[in-house]
Amino acid sequence: MREIKANITKKPDHWLRVVQDKKSGEIHIEGNKPGLEYLASVCFAISAMGQKPGANHWHLSEIFYTLEKGSPDLIVCFQEAITNK
């Protein structure tokens, strides 16, 4: 089995935000090209690492400078299968 290295790099000009449409309740993830590429790299890295302890999720938050101010925190998680909670 080959090892996959995570390459999650945030570029200085990236922006990414999460907003909820008040009327429809839809969640929108909005960003510029570097911001969406960053989110894609997070998703790829998490899927590549699978269920490794501590590597199966990634926090996005304005306190980590990965989301714009006012965005609710977002946690991207790897789950092998859908679980009913």
PDB file of N, CA and C in Angstrom:
ATOM      1  N   MET A   1       0.846  -1.176   0.000  1.00  0.00           N
ATOM      2  CA  MET A   1       0.000   0.000   0.000  1.00  0.00           C
ATOM      3  C   MET A   1       0.886   1.232   0.000  1.00  0.00           C
ATOM      4  N   ARG A   2       0.656   2.138  -0.916  1.00  0.00           N
ATOM      5  CA  ARG A   2       1.503   3.327  -0.988  1.00  0.00           C
ATOM      6  C   ARG A   2       1.019   4.393  -0.011  1.00  0.00           C
ATOM      7  N   GLU A   3       1.972   5.137   0.505  1.00  0.00           N
ATOM      8  CA  GLU A   3       1.643   6.202   1.443  1.00  0.00           C
ATOM      9  C   GLU A   3       1.293   7.461   0.666  1.00  0.00           C
ATOM     10  N   ILE A   4       0.252   8.141   1.088  1.00  0.00           N
ATOM     11  CA  ILE A   4      -0.164   9.378   0.436  1.00  0.00           C
ATOM     12  C   ILE A   4       0.129  10.527   1.389  1.00  0.00           C
ATOM     13  N   LYS A   5       0.857  11.495   0.918  1.00  0.00           N
ATOM     14  CA  LYS A   5       1.195  12.674   1.713  1.00  0.00           C
ATOM     15  C   LYS A   5       0.124  13.738   1.513  1.00  0.00           C
ATOM     16  N   ALA A   6      -0.297  14.340   2.600  1.00  0.00           N
ATOM     17  CA  ALA A   6      -1.272  15.421   2.523  1.00  0.00           C
ATOM     18  C   ALA A   6      -0.549  16.705   2.139  1.00  0.00           C
ATOM     19  N   ASN A   7      -1.097  17.432   1.189  1.00  0.00           N
ATOM     20  CA  ASN A   7      -0.525  18.702   0.787  1.00  0.00           C
ATOM     21  C   ASN A   7      -1.613  19.759   0.916  1.00  0.00           C
ATOM     22  N   ILE A   8      -1.817  20.214   2.119  1.00  0.00           N
ATOM     23  CA  ILE A   8      -2.853  21.204   2.383  1.00  0.00           C
ATOM     24  C   ILE A   8      -2.153  22.532   2.624  1.00  0.00           C
ATOM     25  N   THR A   9      -2.191  23.401   1.612  1.00  0.00           N
ATOM     26  CA  THR A   9      -1.500  24.680   1.700  1.00  0.00           C
ATOM     27  C   THR A   9      -2.474  25.804   1.424  1.00  0.00           C
ATOM     28  N   LYS A  10      -2.581  26.708   2.368  1.00  0.00           N
ATOM     29  CA  LYS A  10      -3.454  27.868   2.217  1.00  0.00           C
ATOM     30  C   LYS A  10      -2.648  28.997   1.583  1.00  0.00           C
ATOM     31  N   LYS A  11      -3.116  29.514   0.458  1.00  0.00           N
ATOM     32  CA  LYS A  11      -2.444  30.620  -0.218  1.00  0.00           C
ATOM     33  C   LYS A  11      -2.865  31.938   0.436  1.00  0.00           C
ATOM     34  N   PRO A  12      -1.972  32.928   0.427  1.00  0.00           N
ATOM     35  CA  PRO A  12      -2.262  34.201   1.096  1.00  0.00           C
ATOM     36  C   PRO A  12      -3.527  34.904   0.601  1.00  0.00           C
ATOM     37  N   ASP A  13      -3.870  34.749  -0.678  1.00  0.00           N
ATOM     38  CA  ASP A  13      -5.035  35.459  -1.226  1.00  0.00           C
ATOM     39  C   ASP A  13      -6.312  34.626  -1.210  1.00  0.00           C
ATOM     40  N   HIS A  14      -6.288  33.508  -0.486  1.00  0.00           N
ATOM     41  CA  HIS A  14      -7.478  32.648  -0.470  1.00  0.00           C
ATOM     42  C   HIS A  14      -8.548  33.264   0.414  1.00  0.00           C
ATOM     43  N   TRP A  15      -9.794  33.079   0.003  1.00  0.00           N
ATOM     44  CA  TRP A  15     -10.906  33.372   0.906  1.00  0.00           C
ATOM     45  C   TRP A  15     -11.967  32.306   0.701  1.00  0.00           C
ATOM     46  N   LEU A  16     -12.620  31.984   1.801  1.00  0.00           N
ATOM     47  CA  LEU A  16     -13.625  30.927   1.842  1.00  0.00           C
ATOM     48  C   LEU A  16     -14.606  31.299   2.940  1.00  0.00           C
ATOM     49  N   ARG A  17     -15.874  31.177   2.656  1.00  0.00           N
ATOM     50  CA  ARG A  17     -16.863  31.463   3.699  1.00  0.00           C
ATOM     51  C   ARG A  17     -18.039  30.508   3.599  1.00  0.00           C
ATOM     52  N   VAL A  18     -18.706  30.359   4.722  1.00  0.00           N
ATOM     53  CA  VAL A  18     -19.885  29.514   4.825  1.00  0.00           C
ATOM     54  C   VAL A  18     -21.038  30.424   5.247  1.00  0.00           C
ATOM     55  N   VAL A  19     -22.120  30.384   4.499  1.00  0.00           N
ATOM     56  CA  VAL A  19     -23.306  31.175   4.841  1.00  0.00           C
ATOM     57  C   VAL A  19     -24.539  30.297   4.692  1.00  0.00           C
ATOM     58  N   GLN A  20     -25.540  30.583   5.498  1.00  0.00           N
ATOM     59  CA  GLN A  20     -26.805  29.861   5.383  1.00  0.00           C
ATOM     60  C   GLN A  20     -27.855  30.813   4.854  1.00  0.00           C
ATOM     61  N   ASP A  21     -28.519  30.413   3.786  1.00  0.00           N
ATOM     62  CA  ASP A  21     -29.599  31.210   3.218  1.00  0.00           C
ATOM     63  C   ASP A  21     -30.755  31.197   4.210  1.00  0.00           C
ATOM     64  N   LYS A  22     -31.132  32.363   4.688  1.00  0.00           N
ATOM     65  CA  LYS A  22     -32.170  32.449   5.725  1.00  0.00           C
ATOM     66  C   LYS A  22     -33.530  31.960   5.233  1.00  0.00           C
ATOM     67  N   LYS A  23     -33.824  32.147   3.952  1.00  0.00           N
ATOM     68  CA  LYS A  23     -35.119  31.748   3.415  1.00  0.00           C
ATOM     69  C   LYS A  23     -35.202  30.235   3.178  1.00  0.00           C
ATOM     70  N   SER A  24     -34.209  29.678   2.482  1.00  0.00           N
ATOM     71  CA  SER A  24     -34.281  28.260   2.104  1.00  0.00           C
ATOM     72  C   SER A  24     -33.609  27.337   3.114  1.00  0.00           C
ATOM     73  N   GLY A  25     -32.709  27.889   3.942  1.00  0.00           N
ATOM     74  CA  GLY A  25     -31.962  27.065   4.882  1.00  0.00           C
ATOM     75  C   GLY A  25     -30.746  26.388   4.261  1.00  0.00           C
ATOM     76  N   GLU A  26     -30.530  26.615   2.958  1.00  0.00           N
ATOM     77  CA  GLU A  26     -29.394  26.010   2.273  1.00  0.00           C
ATOM     78  C   GLU A  26     -28.075  26.550   2.827  1.00  0.00           C
ATOM     79  N   ILE A  27     -27.086  25.682   2.857  1.00  0.00           N
ATOM     80  CA  ILE A  27     -25.745  26.068   3.258  1.00  0.00           C
ATOM     81  C   ILE A  27     -24.947  26.344   1.985  1.00  0.00           C
ATOM     82  N   HIS A  28     -24.311  27.500   1.923  1.00  0.00           N
ATOM     83  CA  HIS A  28     -23.492  27.866   0.776  1.00  0.00           C
ATOM     84  C   HIS A  28     -22.032  27.918   1.215  1.00  0.00           C
ATOM     85  N   ILE A  29     -21.171  27.271   0.469  1.00  0.00           N
ATOM     86  CA  ILE A  29     -19.729  27.392   0.654  1.00  0.00           C
ATOM     87  C   ILE A  29     -19.249  28.217  -0.523  1.00  0.00           C
ATOM     88  N   GLU A  30     -18.746  29.405  -0.235  1.00  0.00           N
ATOM     89  CA  GLU A  30     -18.347  30.345  -1.271  1.00  0.00           C
ATOM     90  C   GLU A  30     -16.862  30.640  -1.143  1.00  0.00           C
ATOM     91  N   GLY A  31     -16.205  30.825  -2.253  1.00  0.00           N
ATOM     92  CA  GLY A  31     -14.796  31.165  -2.205  1.00  0.00           C
ATOM     93  C   GLY A  31     -14.250  31.524  -3.563  1.00  0.00           C
ATOM     94  N   ASN A  32     -13.051  32.110  -3.551  1.00  0.00           N
ATOM     95  CA  ASN A  32     -12.360  32.377  -4.808  1.00  0.00           C
ATOM     96  C   ASN A  32     -11.613  31.112  -5.223  1.00  0.00           C
ATOM     97  N   LYS A  33     -10.910  31.173  -6.344  1.00  0.00           N
ATOM     98  CA  LYS A  33     -10.226  29.984  -6.865  1.00  0.00           C
ATOM     99  C   LYS A  33      -9.259  29.386  -5.847  1.00  0.00           C
ATOM    100  N   PRO A  34      -8.359  30.184  -5.244  1.00  0.00           N
ATOM    101  CA  PRO A  34      -7.453  29.591  -4.247  1.00  0.00           C
ATOM    102  C   PRO A  34      -8.196  29.025  -3.032  1.00  0.00           C
ATOM    103  N   GLY A  35      -9.291  29.650  -2.630  1.00  0.00           N
ATOM    104  CA  GLY A  35     -10.060  29.162  -1.492  1.00  0.00           C
ATOM    105  C   GLY A  35     -10.723  27.827  -1.774  1.00  0.00           C
ATOM    106  N   LEU A  36     -11.324  27.692  -2.945  1.00  0.00           N
ATOM    107  CA  LEU A  36     -11.968  26.432  -3.308  1.00  0.00           C
ATOM    108  C   LEU A  36     -10.933  25.333  -3.557  1.00  0.00           C
ATOM    109  N   GLU A  37      -9.767  25.708  -4.097  1.00  0.00           N
ATOM    110  CA  GLU A  37      -8.692  24.728  -4.263  1.00  0.00           C
ATOM    111  C   GLU A  37      -8.198  24.239  -2.899  1.00  0.00           C
ATOM    112  N   TYR A  38      -8.139  25.137  -1.925  1.00  0.00           N
ATOM    113  CA  TYR A  38      -7.750  24.764  -0.565  1.00  0.00           C
ATOM    114  C   TYR A  38      -8.751  23.758   0.000  1.00  0.00           C
ATOM    115  N   LEU A  39     -10.056  24.048  -0.142  1.00  0.00           N
ATOM    116  CA  LEU A  39     -11.084  23.141   0.345  1.00  0.00           C
ATOM    117  C   LEU A  39     -10.982  21.784  -0.353  1.00  0.00           C
ATOM    118  N   ALA A  40     -10.732  21.782  -1.652  1.00  0.00           N
ATOM    119  CA  ALA A  40     -10.576  20.521  -2.393  1.00  0.00           C
ATOM    120  C   ALA A  40      -9.380  19.736  -1.868  1.00  0.00           C
ATOM    121  N   SER A  41      -8.273  20.432  -1.552  1.00  0.00           N
ATOM    122  CA  SER A  41      -7.092  19.734  -1.029  1.00  0.00           C
ATOM    123  C   SER A  41      -7.365  19.146   0.349  1.00  0.00           C
ATOM    124  N   VAL A  42      -8.167  19.830   1.152  1.00  0.00           N
ATOM    125  CA  VAL A  42      -8.572  19.293   2.457  1.00  0.00           C
ATOM    126  C   VAL A  42      -9.379  18.012   2.251  1.00  0.00           C
ATOM    127  N   CYS A  43     -10.363  18.051   1.363  1.00  0.00           N
ATOM    128  CA  CYS A  43     -11.204  16.871   1.104  1.00  0.00           C
ATOM    129  C   CYS A  43     -10.378  15.714   0.568  1.00  0.00           C
ATOM    130  N   PHE A  44      -9.456  15.990  -0.362  1.00  0.00           N
ATOM    131  CA  PHE A  44      -8.625  14.928  -0.917  1.00  0.00           C
ATOM    132  C   PHE A  44      -7.737  14.312   0.165  1.00  0.00           C
ATOM    133  N   ALA A  45      -7.103  15.147   0.968  1.00  0.00           N
ATOM    134  CA  ALA A  45      -6.193  14.637   2.000  1.00  0.00           C
ATOM    135  C   ALA A  45      -6.934  13.778   3.013  1.00  0.00           C
ATOM    136  N   ILE A  46      -8.104  14.228   3.434  1.00  0.00           N
ATOM    137  CA  ILE A  46      -8.881  13.456   4.409  1.00  0.00           C
ATOM    138  C   ILE A  46      -9.303  12.113   3.813  1.00  0.00           C
ATOM    139  N   SER A  47      -9.751  12.121   2.561  1.00  0.00           N
ATOM    140  CA  SER A  47     -10.166  10.856   1.942  1.00  0.00           C
ATOM    141  C   SER A  47      -8.973   9.926   1.744  1.00  0.00           C
ATOM    142  N   ALA A  48      -7.808  10.479   1.457  1.00  0.00           N
ATOM    143  CA  ALA A  48      -6.616   9.659   1.241  1.00  0.00           C
ATOM    144  C   ALA A  48      -6.122   9.026   2.544  1.00  0.00           C
ATOM    145  N   MET A  49      -6.285   9.737   3.660  1.00  0.00           N
ATOM    146  CA  MET A  49      -5.801   9.222   4.941  1.00  0.00           C
ATOM    147  C   MET A  49      -6.788   8.287   5.605  1.00  0.00           C
ATOM    148  N   GLY A  50      -8.055   8.353   5.188  1.00  0.00           N
ATOM    149  CA  GLY A  50      -9.056   7.439   5.728  1.00  0.00           C
ATOM    150  C   GLY A  50      -9.279   7.593   7.215  1.00  0.00           C
ATOM    151  N   GLN A  51      -9.360   6.482   7.910  1.00  0.00           N
ATOM    152  CA  GLN A  51      -9.725   6.473   9.326  1.00  0.00           C
ATOM    153  C   GLN A  51      -8.530   6.582  10.274  1.00  0.00           C
ATOM    154  N   LYS A  52      -7.368   7.047   9.799  1.00  0.00           N
ATOM    155  CA  LYS A  52      -6.226   7.217  10.701  1.00  0.00           C
ATOM    156  C   LYS A  52      -6.640   8.113  11.856  1.00  0.00           C
ATOM    157  N   PRO A  53      -6.374   7.715  13.090  1.00  0.00           N
ATOM    158  CA  PRO A  53      -6.739   8.550  14.238  1.00  0.00           C
ATOM    159  C   PRO A  53      -6.132   9.944  14.120  1.00  0.00           C
ATOM    160  N   GLY A  54      -6.959  10.947  14.318  1.00  0.00           N
ATOM    161  CA  GLY A  54      -6.508  12.333  14.250  1.00  0.00           C
ATOM    162  C   GLY A  54      -6.398  12.897  12.850  1.00  0.00           C
ATOM    163  N   ALA A  55      -6.542  12.060  11.834  1.00  0.00           N
ATOM    164  CA  ALA A  55      -6.405  12.525  10.448  1.00  0.00           C
ATOM    165  C   ALA A  55      -7.710  12.418   9.675  1.00  0.00           C
ATOM    166  N   ASN A  56      -8.784  12.044  10.338  1.00  0.00           N
ATOM    167  CA  ASN A  56     -10.032  11.801   9.620  1.00  0.00           C
ATOM    168  C   ASN A  56     -10.971  13.011   9.627  1.00  0.00           C
ATOM    169  N   HIS A  57     -10.460  14.158  10.053  1.00  0.00           N
ATOM    170  CA  HIS A  57     -11.277  15.367  10.008  1.00  0.00           C
ATOM    171  C   HIS A  57     -10.375  16.604   9.928  1.00  0.00           C
ATOM    172  N   TRP A  58     -10.980  17.723   9.533  1.00  0.00           N
ATOM    173  CA  TRP A  58     -10.237  18.972   9.400  1.00  0.00           C
ATOM    174  C   TRP A  58     -11.160  20.106   9.813  1.00  0.00           C
ATOM    175  N   HIS A  59     -10.676  20.964  10.696  1.00  0.00           N
ATOM    176  CA  HIS A  59     -11.460  22.105  11.172  1.00  0.00           C
ATOM    177  C   HIS A  59     -11.199  23.324  10.295  1.00  0.00           C
ATOM    178  N   LEU A  60     -12.259  23.947   9.850  1.00  0.00           N
ATOM    179  CA  LEU A  60     -12.179  25.223   9.152  1.00  0.00           C
ATOM    180  C   LEU A  60     -12.873  26.248  10.046  1.00  0.00           C
ATOM    181  N   SER A  61     -12.186  27.344  10.331  1.00  0.00           N
ATOM    182  CA  SER A  61     -12.728  28.322  11.258  1.00  0.00           C
ATOM    183  C   SER A  61     -12.042  29.662  11.047  1.00  0.00           C
ATOM    184  N   GLU A  62     -12.747  30.733  11.358  1.00  0.00           N
ATOM    185  CA  GLU A  62     -12.102  32.046  11.256  1.00  0.00           C
ATOM    186  C   GLU A  62     -10.958  32.174  12.261  1.00  0.00           C
ATOM    187  N   ILE A  63     -10.998  31.428  13.378  1.00  0.00           N
ATOM    188  CA  ILE A  63      -9.890  31.520  14.339  1.00  0.00           C
ATOM    189  C   ILE A  63      -8.619  30.857  13.806  1.00  0.00           C
ATOM    190  N   PHE A  64      -8.763  29.967  12.810  1.00  0.00           N
ATOM    191  CA  PHE A  64      -7.594  29.365  12.151  1.00  0.00           C
ATOM    192  C   PHE A  64      -7.261  30.102  10.852  1.00  0.00           C
ATOM    193  N   TYR A  65      -7.975  31.177  10.574  1.00  0.00           N
ATOM    194  CA  TYR A  65      -7.789  31.976   9.355  1.00  0.00           C
ATOM    195  C   TYR A  65      -8.039  31.158   8.087  1.00  0.00           C
ATOM    196  N   THR A  66      -8.948  30.192   8.184  1.00  0.00           N
ATOM    197  CA  THR A  66      -9.302  29.398   7.008  1.00  0.00           C
ATOM    198  C   THR A  66     -10.698  29.730   6.490  1.00  0.00           C
ATOM    199  N   LEU A  67     -11.486  30.459   7.283  1.00  0.00           N
ATOM    200  CA  LEU A  67     -12.798  30.942   6.847  1.00  0.00           C
ATOM    201  C   LEU A  67     -12.884  32.438   7.127  1.00  0.00           C
ATOM    202  N   GLU A  68     -13.694  33.106   6.340  1.00  0.00           N
ATOM    203  CA  GLU A  68     -13.888  34.535   6.529  1.00  0.00           C
ATOM    204  C   GLU A  68     -14.652  34.825   7.817  1.00  0.00           C
ATOM    205  N   LYS A  69     -14.464  36.018   8.340  1.00  0.00           N
ATOM    206  CA  LYS A  69     -15.126  36.442   9.564  1.00  0.00           C
ATOM    207  C   LYS A  69     -16.645  36.322   9.408  1.00  0.00           C
ATOM    208  N   GLY A  70     -17.281  35.793  10.436  1.00  0.00           N
ATOM    209  CA  GLY A  70     -18.729  35.628  10.428  1.00  0.00           C
ATOM    210  C   GLY A  70     -19.197  34.268   9.948  1.00  0.00           C
ATOM    211  N   SER A  71     -18.287  33.470   9.386  1.00  0.00           N
ATOM    212  CA  SER A  71     -18.659  32.122   8.939  1.00  0.00           C
ATOM    213  C   SER A  71     -18.775  31.198  10.139  1.00  0.00           C
ATOM    214  N   PRO A  72     -19.782  30.328  10.156  1.00  0.00           N
ATOM    215  CA  PRO A  72     -19.803  29.319  11.216  1.00  0.00           C
ATOM    216  C   PRO A  72     -18.671  28.316  10.976  1.00  0.00           C
ATOM    217  N   ASP A  73     -18.157  27.747  12.053  1.00  0.00           N
ATOM    218  CA  ASP A  73     -17.107  26.742  11.910  1.00  0.00           C
ATOM    219  C   ASP A  73     -17.621  25.568  11.079  1.00  0.00           C
ATOM    220  N   LEU A  74     -16.703  24.952  10.361  1.00  0.00           N
ATOM    221  CA  LEU A  74     -17.034  23.818   9.504  1.00  0.00           C
ATOM    222  C   LEU A  74     -16.014  22.727   9.771  1.00  0.00           C
ATOM    223  N   ILE A  75     -16.488  21.520   9.988  1.00  0.00           N
ATOM    224  CA  ILE A  75     -15.598  20.383  10.166  1.00  0.00           C
ATOM    225  C   ILE A  75     -15.878  19.410   9.031  1.00  0.00           C
ATOM    226  N   VAL A  76     -14.836  19.126   8.249  1.00  0.00           N
ATOM    227  CA  VAL A  76     -14.933  18.163   7.157  1.00  0.00           C
ATOM    228  C   VAL A  76     -14.467  16.827   7.716  1.00  0.00           C
ATOM    229  N   CYS A  77     -15.316  15.804   7.632  1.00  0.00           N
ATOM    230  CA  CYS A  77     -15.026  14.511   8.264  1.00  0.00           C
ATOM    231  C   CYS A  77     -15.058  13.373   7.259  1.00  0.00           C
ATOM    232  N   PHE A  78     -14.176  12.383   7.482  1.00  0.00           N
ATOM    233  CA  PHE A  78     -14.201  11.143   6.715  1.00  0.00           C
ATOM    234  C   PHE A  78     -15.066  10.153   7.475  1.00  0.00           C
ATOM    235  N   GLN A  79     -16.001   9.543   6.784  1.00  0.00           N
ATOM    236  CA  GLN A  79     -16.832   8.457   7.328  1.00  0.00           C
ATOM    237  C   GLN A  79     -16.867   7.376   6.268  1.00  0.00           C
ATOM    238  N   GLU A  80     -16.521   6.162   6.627  1.00  0.00           N
ATOM    239  CA  GLU A  80     -16.534   5.041   5.684  1.00  0.00           C
ATOM    240  C   GLU A  80     -17.947   4.750   5.196  1.00  0.00           C
ATOM    241  N   ALA A  81     -18.919   4.891   6.078  1.00  0.00           N
ATOM    242  CA  ALA A  81     -20.311   4.619   5.732  1.00  0.00           C
ATOM    243  C   ALA A  81     -21.206   5.608   6.463  1.00  0.00           C
ATOM    244  N   ILE A  82     -22.409   5.766   5.966  1.00  0.00           N
ATOM    245  CA  ILE A  82     -23.370   6.660   6.615  1.00  0.00           C
ATOM    246  C   ILE A  82     -23.821   6.019   7.917  1.00  0.00           C
ATOM    247  N   THR A  83     -23.768   6.809   8.985  1.00  0.00           N
ATOM    248  CA  THR A  83     -24.263   6.316  10.269  1.00  0.00           C
ATOM    249  C   THR A  83     -25.465   7.150  10.678  1.00  0.00           C
ATOM    250  N   ASN A  84     -26.463   6.523  11.225  1.00  0.00           N
ATOM    251  CA  ASN A  84     -27.641   7.232  11.709  1.00  0.00           C
ATOM    252  C   ASN A  84     -27.431   7.589  13.163  1.00  0.00           C
ATOM    253  N   LYS A  85     -27.540   8.855  13.443  1.00  0.00           N
ATOM    254  CA  LYS A  85     -27.359   9.314  14.832  1.00  0.00           C
ATOM    255  C   LYS A  85     -28.693   9.707  15.415  1.00  0.00           C
TER     256      LYS A  85
END
